Structure formats: C-alpha cells, structure tokens
Amino acid sequence: LPDGKPLVLVYDTLSAADYRERDEVMKKNLDAIGIKLELRIGKWP
C-alpha cells in the first residue's frame, strides 16, 4: 500500500472445480501486476 503496509486482496470463493479454474485465471492476472491474492474457501449460503 502507499503507506508501506502489505497489500493483500482477500477473495471469498467456492471449492468447486469450475470456480477453481476461474480463480486460477484471476490469480495469474493479479500475479502479473504484483498484487497478492488470497483465496478464502467457503459455502455459498
């Protein structure tokens, strides 16, 4: 972050295979610009 603190994006998602593949694309996209993405797996409801 501009103040020097860690920049970590936390994204809530599901464990299903189709979600994993979409999340993988997103993570690679953000890796490419140097932003760390943390995927937090949960249940939709």
ModelCIF file with pLDDT and N, C-alpha, C, O atoms, coordinates in Angstrom:
data_MODEL
#
_entry.id   MODEL 
#
_entity.id                         1 
_entity.type                       polymer 
_entity.pdbx_number_of_molecules   1 
#
_entity_poly.entity_id                      1 
_entity_poly.type                           'polypeptide(L)' 
_entity_poly.nstd_linkage                   no 
_entity_poly.nstd_monomer                   no 
_entity_poly.pdbx_seq_one_letter_code       LPDGKPLVLVYDTLSAADYRERDEVMKKNLDAIGIKLELRIGKWP 
_entity_poly.pdbx_seq_one_letter_code_can   LPDGKPLVLVYDTLSAADYRERDEVMKKNLDAIGIKLELRIGKWP 
_entity_poly.pdbx_strand_id                 A 
#
loop_
_entity_poly_seq.entity_id 
_entity_poly_seq.num 
_entity_poly_seq.mon_id 
_entity_poly_seq.hetero 
1 1  LEU n 
1 2  PRO n 
1 3  ASP n 
1 4  GLY n 
1 5  LYS n 
1 6  PRO n 
1 7  LEU n 
1 8  VAL n 
1 9  LEU n 
1 10 VAL n 
1 11 TYR n 
1 12 ASP n 
1 13 THR n 
1 14 LEU n 
1 15 SER n 
1 16 ALA n 
1 17 ALA n 
1 18 ASP n 
1 19 TYR n 
1 20 ARG n 
1 21 GLU n 
1 22 ARG n 
1 23 ASP n 
1 24 GLU n 
1 25 VAL n 
1 26 MET n 
1 27 LYS n 
1 28 LYS n 
1 29 ASN n 
1 30 LEU n 
1 31 ASP n 
1 32 ALA n 
1 33 ILE n 
1 34 GLY n 
1 35 ILE n 
1 36 LYS n 
1 37 LEU n 
1 38 GLU n 
1 39 LEU n 
1 40 ARG n 
1 41 ILE n 
1 42 GLY n 
1 43 LYS n 
1 44 TRP n 
1 45 PRO n 
#
_struct_asym.id          A 
_struct_asym.entity_id   1 
#
loop_
_ma_qa_metric.id 
_ma_qa_metric.mode 
_ma_qa_metric.name 
_ma_qa_metric.software_group_id 
_ma_qa_metric.type 
1 global pLDDT . pLDDT 
2 local  pLDDT . pLDDT 
#
_ma_qa_metric_global.metric_id      1 
_ma_qa_metric_global.metric_value   95.22 
_ma_qa_metric_global.model_id       1 
_ma_qa_metric_global.ordinal_id     1 
#
loop_
_ma_qa_metric_local.label_asym_id 
_ma_qa_metric_local.label_comp_id 
_ma_qa_metric_local.label_seq_id 
_ma_qa_metric_local.metric_id 
_ma_qa_metric_local.metric_value 
_ma_qa_metric_local.model_id 
_ma_qa_metric_local.ordinal_id 
A LEU 1  2 98.00 1 1  
A PRO 2  2 97.00 1 2  
A ASP 3  2 96.00 1 3  
A GLY 4  2 96.00 1 4  
A LYS 5  2 96.00 1 5  
A PRO 6  2 96.00 1 6  
A LEU 7  2 98.00 1 7  
A VAL 8  2 98.00 1 8  
A LEU 9  2 98.00 1 9  
A VAL 10 2 98.00 1 10 
A TYR 11 2 98.00 1 11 
A ASP 12 2 97.00 1 12 
A THR 13 2 96.00 1 13 
A LEU 14 2 93.00 1 14 
A SER 15 2 92.00 1 15 
A ALA 16 2 87.00 1 16 
A ALA 17 2 85.00 1 17 
A ASP 18 2 86.00 1 18 
A TYR 19 2 92.00 1 19 
A ARG 20 2 93.00 1 20 
A GLU 21 2 92.00 1 21 
A ARG 22 2 94.00 1 22 
A ASP 23 2 96.00 1 23 
A GLU 24 2 96.00 1 24 
A VAL 25 2 96.00 1 25 
A MET 26 2 97.00 1 26 
A LYS 27 2 97.00 1 27 
A LYS 28 2 98.00 1 28 
A ASN 29 2 98.00 1 29 
A LEU 30 2 98.00 1 30 
A ASP 31 2 98.00 1 31 
A ALA 32 2 98.00 1 32 
A ILE 33 2 98.00 1 33 
A GLY 34 2 98.00 1 34 
A ILE 35 2 98.00 1 35 
A LYS 36 2 98.00 1 36 
A LEU 37 2 98.00 1 37 
A GLU 38 2 98.00 1 38 
A LEU 39 2 97.00 1 39 
A ARG 40 2 97.00 1 40 
A ILE 41 2 96.00 1 41 
A GLY 42 2 95.00 1 42 
A LYS 43 2 91.00 1 43 
A TRP 44 2 87.00 1 44 
A PRO 45 2 86.00 1 45 
#
loop_
_atom_site.group_PDB 
_atom_site.id 
_atom_site.type_symbol 
_atom_site.label_atom_id 
_atom_site.label_alt_id 
_atom_site.label_comp_id 
_atom_site.label_asym_id 
_atom_site.label_entity_id 
_atom_site.label_seq_id 
_atom_site.pdbx_PDB_ins_code 
_atom_site.Cartn_x 
_atom_site.Cartn_y 
_atom_site.Cartn_z 
_atom_site.occupancy 
_atom_site.B_iso_or_equiv 
_atom_site.pdbx_formal_charge 
_atom_site.auth_seq_id 
_atom_site.auth_comp_id 
_atom_site.auth_asym_id 
_atom_site.auth_atom_id 
_atom_site.pdbx_PDB_model_num 
ATOM 1   N N  . LEU A 1 1  ? 0.844   -1.190  0.000   1.00 98.00 ? 1  LEU A N  1 
ATOM 2   C CA . LEU A 1 1  ? 0.000   0.000   0.000   1.00 98.00 ? 1  LEU A CA 1 
ATOM 3   C C  . LEU A 1 1  ? 0.884   1.245   0.000   1.00 98.00 ? 1  LEU A C  1 
ATOM 4   O O  . LEU A 1 1  ? 2.065   1.157   0.335   1.00 98.00 ? 1  LEU A O  1 
ATOM 5   N N  . PRO A 1 2  ? 0.340   2.387   -0.365  1.00 97.00 ? 2  PRO A N  1 
ATOM 6   C CA . PRO A 1 2  ? 1.154   3.615   -0.366  1.00 97.00 ? 2  PRO A CA 1 
ATOM 7   C C  . PRO A 1 2  ? 1.827   3.897   0.973   1.00 97.00 ? 2  PRO A C  1 
ATOM 8   O O  . PRO A 1 2  ? 2.896   4.506   1.000   1.00 97.00 ? 2  PRO A O  1 
ATOM 9   N N  . ASP A 1 3  ? 1.225   3.468   2.088   1.00 96.00 ? 3  ASP A N  1 
ATOM 10  C CA . ASP A 1 3  ? 1.837   3.720   3.401   1.00 96.00 ? 3  ASP A CA 1 
ATOM 11  C C  . ASP A 1 3  ? 2.826   2.629   3.805   1.00 96.00 ? 3  ASP A C  1 
ATOM 12  O O  . ASP A 1 3  ? 3.341   2.649   4.923   1.00 96.00 ? 3  ASP A O  1 
ATOM 13  N N  . GLY A 1 4  ? 3.095   1.687   2.921   1.00 96.00 ? 4  GLY A N  1 
ATOM 14  C CA . GLY A 1 4  ? 4.070   0.642   3.186   1.00 96.00 ? 4  GLY A CA 1 
ATOM 15  C C  . GLY A 1 4  ? 3.506   -0.629  3.785   1.00 96.00 ? 4  GLY A C  1 
ATOM 16  O O  . GLY A 1 4  ? 4.225   -1.623  3.893   1.00 96.00 ? 4  GLY A O  1 
ATOM 17  N N  . LYS A 1 5  ? 2.235   -0.632  4.180   1.00 96.00 ? 5  LYS A N  1 
ATOM 18  C CA . LYS A 1 5  ? 1.627   -1.834  4.737   1.00 96.00 ? 5  LYS A CA 1 
ATOM 19  C C  . LYS A 1 5  ? 1.372   -2.858  3.625   1.00 96.00 ? 5  LYS A C  1 
ATOM 20  O O  . LYS A 1 5  ? 1.279   -2.484  2.456   1.00 96.00 ? 5  LYS A O  1 
ATOM 21  N N  . PRO A 1 6  ? 1.257   -4.149  3.977   1.00 96.00 ? 6  PRO A N  1 
ATOM 22  C CA . PRO A 1 6  ? 1.039   -5.175  2.954   1.00 96.00 ? 6  PRO A CA 1 
ATOM 23  C C  . PRO A 1 6  ? -0.253  -4.939  2.173   1.00 96.00 ? 6  PRO A C  1 
ATOM 24  O O  . PRO A 1 6  ? -1.264  -4.514  2.732   1.00 96.00 ? 6  PRO A O  1 
ATOM 25  N N  . LEU A 1 7  ? -0.199  -5.220  0.891   1.00 98.00 ? 7  LEU A N  1 
ATOM 26  C CA . LEU A 1 7  ? -1.375  -5.156  0.038   1.00 98.00 ? 7  LEU A CA 1 
ATOM 27  C C  . LEU A 1 7  ? -1.789  -6.594  -0.291  1.00 98.00 ? 7  LEU A C  1 
ATOM 28  O O  . LEU A 1 7  ? -1.173  -7.249  -1.132  1.00 98.00 ? 7  LEU A O  1 
ATOM 29  N N  . VAL A 1 8  ? -2.825  -7.067  0.373   1.00 98.00 ? 8  VAL A N  1 
ATOM 30  C CA . VAL A 1 8  ? -3.326  -8.419  0.150   1.00 98.00 ? 8  VAL A CA 1 
ATOM 31  C C  . VAL A 1 8  ? -4.830  -8.332  -0.101  1.00 98.00 ? 8  VAL A C  1 
ATOM 32  O O  . VAL A 1 8  ? -5.571  -7.796  0.724   1.00 98.00 ? 8  VAL A O  1 
ATOM 33  N N  . LEU A 1 9  ? -5.273  -8.851  -1.225  1.00 98.00 ? 9  LEU A N  1 
ATOM 34  C CA . LEU A 1 9  ? -6.699  -8.902  -1.538  1.00 98.00 ? 9  LEU A CA 1 
ATOM 35  C C  . LEU A 1 9  ? -7.244  -10.255 -1.106  1.00 98.00 ? 9  LEU A C  1 
ATOM 36  O O  . LEU A 1 9  ? -6.694  -11.296 -1.468  1.00 98.00 ? 9  LEU A O  1 
ATOM 37  N N  . VAL A 1 10 ? -8.316  -10.242 -0.340  1.00 98.00 ? 10 VAL A N  1 
ATOM 38  C CA . VAL A 1 10 ? -8.936  -11.475 0.146   1.00 98.00 ? 10 VAL A CA 1 
ATOM 39  C C  . VAL A 1 10 ? -10.246 -11.679 -0.612  1.00 98.00 ? 10 VAL A C  1 
ATOM 40  O O  . VAL A 1 10 ? -11.162 -10.860 -0.535  1.00 98.00 ? 10 VAL A O  1 
ATOM 41  N N  . TYR A 1 11 ? -10.310 -12.775 -1.335  1.00 98.00 ? 11 TYR A N  1 
ATOM 42  C CA . TYR A 1 11 ? -11.447 -13.057 -2.205  1.00 98.00 ? 11 TYR A CA 1 
ATOM 43  C C  . TYR A 1 11 ? -12.140 -14.327 -1.751  1.00 98.00 ? 11 TYR A C  1 
ATOM 44  O O  . TYR A 1 11 ? -11.524 -15.392 -1.715  1.00 98.00 ? 11 TYR A O  1 
ATOM 45  N N  . ASP A 1 12 ? -13.419 -14.224 -1.401  1.00 97.00 ? 12 ASP A N  1 
ATOM 46  C CA . ASP A 1 12 ? -14.184 -15.390 -0.964  1.00 97.00 ? 12 ASP A CA 1 
ATOM 47  C C  . ASP A 1 12 ? -14.710 -16.144 -2.178  1.00 97.00 ? 12 ASP A C  1 
ATOM 48  O O  . ASP A 1 12 ? -15.254 -15.548 -3.107  1.00 97.00 ? 12 ASP A O  1 
ATOM 49  N N  . THR A 1 13 ? -14.539 -17.469 -2.158  1.00 96.00 ? 13 THR A N  1 
ATOM 50  C CA . THR A 1 13 ? -14.905 -18.271 -3.311  1.00 96.00 ? 13 THR A CA 1 
ATOM 51  C C  . THR A 1 13 ? -15.313 -19.666 -2.863  1.00 96.00 ? 13 THR A C  1 
ATOM 52  O O  . THR A 1 13 ? -15.373 -19.948 -1.667  1.00 96.00 ? 13 THR A O  1 
ATOM 53  N N  . LEU A 1 14 ? -15.594 -20.543 -3.831  1.00 93.00 ? 14 LEU A N  1 
ATOM 54  C CA . LEU A 1 14 ? -16.023 -21.907 -3.560  1.00 93.00 ? 14 LEU A CA 1 
ATOM 55  C C  . LEU A 1 14 ? -14.941 -22.891 -3.995  1.00 93.00 ? 14 LEU A C  1 
ATOM 56  O O  . LEU A 1 14 ? -14.015 -22.529 -4.721  1.00 93.00 ? 14 LEU A O  1 
ATOM 57  N N  . SER A 1 15 ? -15.066 -24.124 -3.548  1.00 92.00 ? 15 SER A N  1 
ATOM 58  C CA . SER A 1 15 ? -14.042 -25.126 -3.836  1.00 92.00 ? 15 SER A CA 1 
ATOM 59  C C  . SER A 1 15 ? -14.305 -25.909 -5.111  1.00 92.00 ? 15 SER A C  1 
ATOM 60  O O  . SER A 1 15 ? -13.452 -26.694 -5.524  1.00 92.00 ? 15 SER A O  1 
ATOM 61  N N  . ALA A 1 16 ? -15.460 -25.724 -5.754  1.00 87.00 ? 16 ALA A N  1 
ATOM 62  C CA . ALA A 1 16 ? -15.813 -26.495 -6.939  1.00 87.00 ? 16 ALA A CA 1 
ATOM 63  C C  . ALA A 1 16 ? -14.790 -26.272 -8.052  1.00 87.00 ? 16 ALA A C  1 
ATOM 64  O O  . ALA A 1 16 ? -14.148 -25.225 -8.124  1.00 87.00 ? 16 ALA A O  1 
ATOM 65  N N  . ALA A 1 17 ? -14.651 -27.282 -8.919  1.00 85.00 ? 17 ALA A N  1 
ATOM 66  C CA . ALA A 1 17 ? -13.608 -27.245 -9.949  1.00 85.00 ? 17 ALA A CA 1 
ATOM 67  C C  . ALA A 1 17 ? -13.766 -26.071 -10.897 1.00 85.00 ? 17 ALA A C  1 
ATOM 68  O O  . ALA A 1 17 ? -12.771 -25.453 -11.275 1.00 85.00 ? 17 ALA A O  1 
ATOM 69  N N  . ASP A 1 18 ? -14.998 -25.746 -11.294 1.00 86.00 ? 18 ASP A N  1 
ATOM 70  C CA . ASP A 1 18 ? -15.171 -24.628 -12.221 1.00 86.00 ? 18 ASP A CA 1 
ATOM 71  C C  . ASP A 1 18 ? -14.775 -23.305 -11.570 1.00 86.00 ? 18 ASP A C  1 
ATOM 72  O O  . ASP A 1 18 ? -14.220 -22.429 -12.233 1.00 86.00 ? 18 ASP A O  1 
ATOM 73  N N  . TYR A 1 19 ? -15.055 -23.157 -10.280 1.00 92.00 ? 19 TYR A N  1 
ATOM 74  C CA . TYR A 1 19 ? -14.616 -21.948 -9.576  1.00 92.00 ? 19 TYR A CA 1 
ATOM 75  C C  . TYR A 1 19 ? -13.092 -21.913 -9.497  1.00 92.00 ? 19 TYR A C  1 
ATOM 76  O O  . TYR A 1 19 ? -12.482 -20.858 -9.670  1.00 92.00 ? 19 TYR A O  1 
ATOM 77  N N  . ARG A 1 20 ? -12.486 -23.056 -9.237  1.00 93.00 ? 20 ARG A N  1 
ATOM 78  C CA . ARG A 1 20 ? -11.028 -23.095 -9.118  1.00 93.00 ? 20 ARG A CA 1 
ATOM 79  C C  . ARG A 1 20 ? -10.357 -22.648 -10.417 1.00 93.00 ? 20 ARG A C  1 
ATOM 80  O O  . ARG A 1 20 ? -9.351  -21.939 -10.392 1.00 93.00 ? 20 ARG A O  1 
ATOM 81  N N  . GLU A 1 21 ? -10.916 -23.062 -11.536 1.00 92.00 ? 21 GLU A N  1 
ATOM 82  C CA . GLU A 1 21 ? -10.301 -22.687 -12.811 1.00 92.00 ? 21 GLU A CA 1 
ATOM 83  C C  . GLU A 1 21 ? -10.446 -21.194 -13.082 1.00 92.00 ? 21 GLU A C  1 
ATOM 84  O O  . GLU A 1 21 ? -9.511  -20.559 -13.569 1.00 92.00 ? 21 GLU A O  1 
ATOM 85  N N  . ARG A 1 22 ? -11.594 -20.638 -12.774 1.00 94.00 ? 22 ARG A N  1 
ATOM 86  C CA . ARG A 1 22 ? -11.766 -19.188 -12.959 1.00 94.00 ? 22 ARG A CA 1 
ATOM 87  C C  . ARG A 1 22 ? -10.862 -18.424 -11.991 1.00 94.00 ? 22 ARG A C  1 
ATOM 88  O O  . ARG A 1 22 ? -10.263 -17.412 -12.357 1.00 94.00 ? 22 ARG A O  1 
ATOM 89  N N  . ASP A 1 23 ? -10.771 -18.914 -10.764 1.00 96.00 ? 23 ASP A N  1 
ATOM 90  C CA . ASP A 1 23 ? -9.919  -18.247 -9.770  1.00 96.00 ? 23 ASP A CA 1 
ATOM 91  C C  . ASP A 1 23 ? -8.446  -18.313 -10.169 1.00 96.00 ? 23 ASP A C  1 
ATOM 92  O O  . ASP A 1 23 ? -7.681  -17.388 -9.897  1.00 96.00 ? 23 ASP A O  1 
ATOM 93  N N  . GLU A 1 24 ? -8.057  -19.402 -10.808 1.00 96.00 ? 24 GLU A N  1 
ATOM 94  C CA . GLU A 1 24 ? -6.673  -19.531 -11.249 1.00 96.00 ? 24 GLU A CA 1 
ATOM 95  C C  . GLU A 1 24 ? -6.322  -18.480 -12.292 1.00 96.00 ? 24 GLU A C  1 
ATOM 96  O O  . GLU A 1 24 ? -5.232  -17.907 -12.267 1.00 96.00 ? 24 GLU A O  1 
ATOM 97  N N  . VAL A 1 25 ? -7.257  -18.230 -13.214 1.00 96.00 ? 25 VAL A N  1 
ATOM 98  C CA . VAL A 1 25 ? -7.041  -17.171 -14.204 1.00 96.00 ? 25 VAL A CA 1 
ATOM 99  C C  . VAL A 1 25 ? -6.897  -15.826 -13.513 1.00 96.00 ? 25 VAL A C  1 
ATOM 100 O O  . VAL A 1 25 ? -5.993  -15.054 -13.833 1.00 96.00 ? 25 VAL A O  1 
ATOM 101 N N  . MET A 1 26 ? -7.787  -15.543 -12.565 1.00 97.00 ? 26 MET A N  1 
ATOM 102 C CA . MET A 1 26 ? -7.733  -14.265 -11.860 1.00 97.00 ? 26 MET A CA 1 
ATOM 103 C C  . MET A 1 26 ? -6.426  -14.124 -11.086 1.00 97.00 ? 26 MET A C  1 
ATOM 104 O O  . MET A 1 26 ? -5.805  -13.061 -11.101 1.00 97.00 ? 26 MET A O  1 
ATOM 105 N N  . LYS A 1 27 ? -6.010  -15.186 -10.415 1.00 97.00 ? 27 LYS A N  1 
ATOM 106 C CA . LYS A 1 27 ? -4.776  -15.106 -9.628  1.00 97.00 ? 27 LYS A CA 1 
ATOM 107 C C  . LYS A 1 27 ? -3.571  -14.853 -10.529 1.00 97.00 ? 27 LYS A C  1 
ATOM 108 O O  . LYS A 1 27 ? -2.700  -14.053 -10.187 1.00 97.00 ? 27 LYS A O  1 
ATOM 109 N N  . LYS A 1 28 ? -3.515  -15.522 -11.668 1.00 98.00 ? 28 LYS A N  1 
ATOM 110 C CA . LYS A 1 28 ? -2.412  -15.288 -12.600 1.00 98.00 ? 28 LYS A CA 1 
ATOM 111 C C  . LYS A 1 28 ? -2.438  -13.850 -13.117 1.00 98.00 ? 28 LYS A C  1 
ATOM 112 O O  . LYS A 1 28 ? -1.389  -13.223 -13.270 1.00 98.00 ? 28 LYS A O  1 
ATOM 113 N N  . ASN A 1 29 ? -3.619  -13.337 -13.382 1.00 98.00 ? 29 ASN A N  1 
ATOM 114 C CA . ASN A 1 29 ? -3.747  -11.951 -13.830 1.00 98.00 ? 29 ASN A CA 1 
ATOM 115 C C  . ASN A 1 29 ? -3.201  -10.980 -12.795 1.00 98.00 ? 29 ASN A C  1 
ATOM 116 O O  . ASN A 1 29 ? -2.504  -10.029 -13.147 1.00 98.00 ? 29 ASN A O  1 
ATOM 117 N N  . LEU A 1 30 ? -3.511  -11.209 -11.511 1.00 98.00 ? 30 LEU A N  1 
ATOM 118 C CA . LEU A 1 30 ? -3.059  -10.302 -10.462 1.00 98.00 ? 30 LEU A CA 1 
ATOM 119 C C  . LEU A 1 30 ? -1.591  -10.532 -10.116 1.00 98.00 ? 30 LEU A C  1 
ATOM 120 O O  . LEU A 1 30 ? -0.885  -9.588  -9.765  1.00 98.00 ? 30 LEU A O  1 
ATOM 121 N N  . ASP A 1 31 ? -1.129  -11.769 -10.212 1.00 98.00 ? 31 ASP A N  1 
ATOM 122 C CA . ASP A 1 31 ? 0.306   -12.025 -10.041 1.00 98.00 ? 31 ASP A CA 1 
ATOM 123 C C  . ASP A 1 31 ? 1.113   -11.197 -11.041 1.00 98.00 ? 31 ASP A C  1 
ATOM 124 O O  . ASP A 1 31 ? 2.189   -10.689 -10.725 1.00 98.00 ? 31 ASP A O  1 
ATOM 125 N N  . ALA A 1 32 ? 0.571   -11.075 -12.249 1.00 98.00 ? 32 ALA A N  1 
ATOM 126 C CA . ALA A 1 32 ? 1.291   -10.387 -13.319 1.00 98.00 ? 32 ALA A CA 1 
ATOM 127 C C  . ALA A 1 32 ? 1.502   -8.901  -13.032 1.00 98.00 ? 32 ALA A C  1 
ATOM 128 O O  . ALA A 1 32 ? 2.400   -8.281  -13.603 1.00 98.00 ? 32 ALA A O  1 
ATOM 129 N N  . ILE A 1 33 ? 0.679   -8.327  -12.150 1.00 98.00 ? 33 ILE A N  1 
ATOM 130 C CA . ILE A 1 33 ? 0.874   -6.909  -11.804 1.00 98.00 ? 33 ILE A CA 1 
ATOM 131 C C  . ILE A 1 33 ? 1.392   -6.752  -10.376 1.00 98.00 ? 33 ILE A C  1 
ATOM 132 O O  . ILE A 1 33 ? 1.437   -5.643  -9.844  1.00 98.00 ? 33 ILE A O  1 
ATOM 133 N N  . GLY A 1 34 ? 1.782   -7.869  -9.758  1.00 98.00 ? 34 GLY A N  1 
ATOM 134 C CA . GLY A 1 34 ? 2.416   -7.797  -8.443  1.00 98.00 ? 34 GLY A CA 1 
ATOM 135 C C  . GLY A 1 34 ? 1.474   -7.623  -7.276  1.00 98.00 ? 34 GLY A C  1 
ATOM 136 O O  . GLY A 1 34 ? 1.880   -7.120  -6.228  1.00 98.00 ? 34 GLY A O  1 
ATOM 137 N N  . ILE A 1 35 ? 0.209   -8.031  -7.430  1.00 98.00 ? 35 ILE A N  1 
ATOM 138 C CA . ILE A 1 35 ? -0.756  -7.937  -6.322  1.00 98.00 ? 35 ILE A CA 1 
ATOM 139 C C  . ILE A 1 35 ? -1.039  -9.339  -5.797  1.00 98.00 ? 35 ILE A C  1 
ATOM 140 O O  . ILE A 1 35 ? -1.390  -10.243 -6.555  1.00 98.00 ? 35 ILE A O  1 
ATOM 141 N N  . LYS A 1 36 ? -0.881  -9.501  -4.495  1.00 98.00 ? 36 LYS A N  1 
ATOM 142 C CA . LYS A 1 36 ? -1.086  -10.799 -3.857  1.00 98.00 ? 36 LYS A CA 1 
ATOM 143 C C  . LYS A 1 36 ? -2.583  -11.017 -3.624  1.00 98.00 ? 36 LYS A C  1 
ATOM 144 O O  . LYS A 1 36 ? -3.274  -10.153 -3.084  1.00 98.00 ? 36 LYS A O  1 
ATOM 145 N N  . LEU A 1 37 ? -3.069  -12.194 -4.044  1.00 98.00 ? 37 LEU A N  1 
ATOM 146 C CA . LEU A 1 37 ? -4.475  -12.549 -3.884  1.00 98.00 ? 37 LEU A CA 1 
ATOM 147 C C  . LEU A 1 37 ? -4.588  -13.765 -2.979  1.00 98.00 ? 37 LEU A C  1 
ATOM 148 O O  . LEU A 1 37 ? -3.942  -14.786 -3.214  1.00 98.00 ? 37 LEU A O  1 
ATOM 149 N N  . GLU A 1 38 ? -5.410  -13.650 -1.946  1.00 98.00 ? 38 GLU A N  1 
ATOM 150 C CA . GLU A 1 38 ? -5.663  -14.772 -1.029  1.00 98.00 ? 38 GLU A CA 1 
ATOM 151 C C  . GLU A 1 38 ? -7.074  -15.277 -1.275  1.00 98.00 ? 38 GLU A C  1 
ATOM 152 O O  . GLU A 1 38 ? -8.036  -14.515 -1.186  1.00 98.00 ? 38 GLU A O  1 
ATOM 153 N N  . LEU A 1 39 ? -7.197  -16.565 -1.585  1.00 97.00 ? 39 LEU A N  1 
ATOM 154 C CA . LEU A 1 39 ? -8.495  -17.175 -1.838  1.00 97.00 ? 39 LEU A CA 1 
ATOM 155 C C  . LEU A 1 39 ? -9.005  -17.812 -0.552  1.00 97.00 ? 39 LEU A C  1 
ATOM 156 O O  . LEU A 1 39 ? -8.324  -18.641 0.051   1.00 97.00 ? 39 LEU A O  1 
ATOM 157 N N  . ARG A 1 40 ? -10.189 -17.424 -0.141  1.00 97.00 ? 40 ARG A N  1 
ATOM 158 C CA . ARG A 1 40 ? -10.781 -17.953 1.091   1.00 97.00 ? 40 ARG A CA 1 
ATOM 159 C C  . ARG A 1 40 ? -11.986 -18.817 0.706   1.00 97.00 ? 40 ARG A C  1 
ATOM 160 O O  . ARG A 1 40 ? -12.989 -18.310 0.203   1.00 97.00 ? 40 ARG A O  1 
ATOM 161 N N  . ILE A 1 41 ? -11.875 -20.120 0.947   1.00 96.00 ? 41 ILE A N  1 
ATOM 162 C CA . ILE A 1 41 ? -12.900 -21.073 0.521   1.00 96.00 ? 41 ILE A CA 1 
ATOM 163 C C  . ILE A 1 41 ? -14.013 -21.159 1.562   1.00 96.00 ? 41 ILE A C  1 
ATOM 164 O O  . ILE A 1 41 ? -13.754 -21.203 2.765   1.00 96.00 ? 41 ILE A O  1 
ATOM 165 N N  . GLY A 1 42 ? -15.241 -21.183 1.086   1.00 95.00 ? 42 GLY A N  1 
ATOM 166 C CA . GLY A 1 42 ? -16.373 -21.297 1.999   1.00 95.00 ? 42 GLY A CA 1 
ATOM 167 C C  . GLY A 1 42 ? -17.575 -21.907 1.310   1.00 95.00 ? 42 GLY A C  1 
ATOM 168 O O  . GLY A 1 42 ? -17.454 -22.473 0.224   1.00 95.00 ? 42 GLY A O  1 
ATOM 169 N N  . LYS A 1 43 ? -18.746 -21.795 1.943   1.00 91.00 ? 43 LYS A N  1 
ATOM 170 C CA . LYS A 1 43 ? -20.009 -22.281 1.409   1.00 91.00 ? 43 LYS A CA 1 
ATOM 171 C C  . LYS A 1 43 ? -20.852 -21.100 0.949   1.00 91.00 ? 43 LYS A C  1 
ATOM 172 O O  . LYS A 1 43 ? -20.871 -20.048 1.589   1.00 91.00 ? 43 LYS A O  1 
ATOM 173 N N  . TRP A 1 44 ? -21.544 -21.286 -0.162  1.00 87.00 ? 44 TRP A N  1 
ATOM 174 C CA . TRP A 1 44 ? -22.247 -20.164 -0.778  1.00 87.00 ? 44 TRP A CA 1 
ATOM 175 C C  . TRP A 1 44 ? -23.307 -19.523 0.133   1.00 87.00 ? 44 TRP A C  1 
ATOM 176 O O  . TRP A 1 44 ? -23.325 -18.296 0.232   1.00 87.00 ? 44 TRP A O  1 
ATOM 177 N N  . PRO A 1 45 ? -24.181 -20.275 0.796   1.00 86.00 ? 45 PRO A N  1 
ATOM 178 C CA . PRO A 1 45 ? -25.189 -19.614 1.643   1.00 86.00 ? 45 PRO A CA 1 
ATOM 179 C C  . PRO A 1 45 ? -24.568 -18.734 2.732   1.00 86.00 ? 45 PRO A C  1 
ATOM 180 O O  . PRO A 1 45 ? -25.292 -18.119 3.516   1.00 86.00 ? 45 PRO A O  1 
#
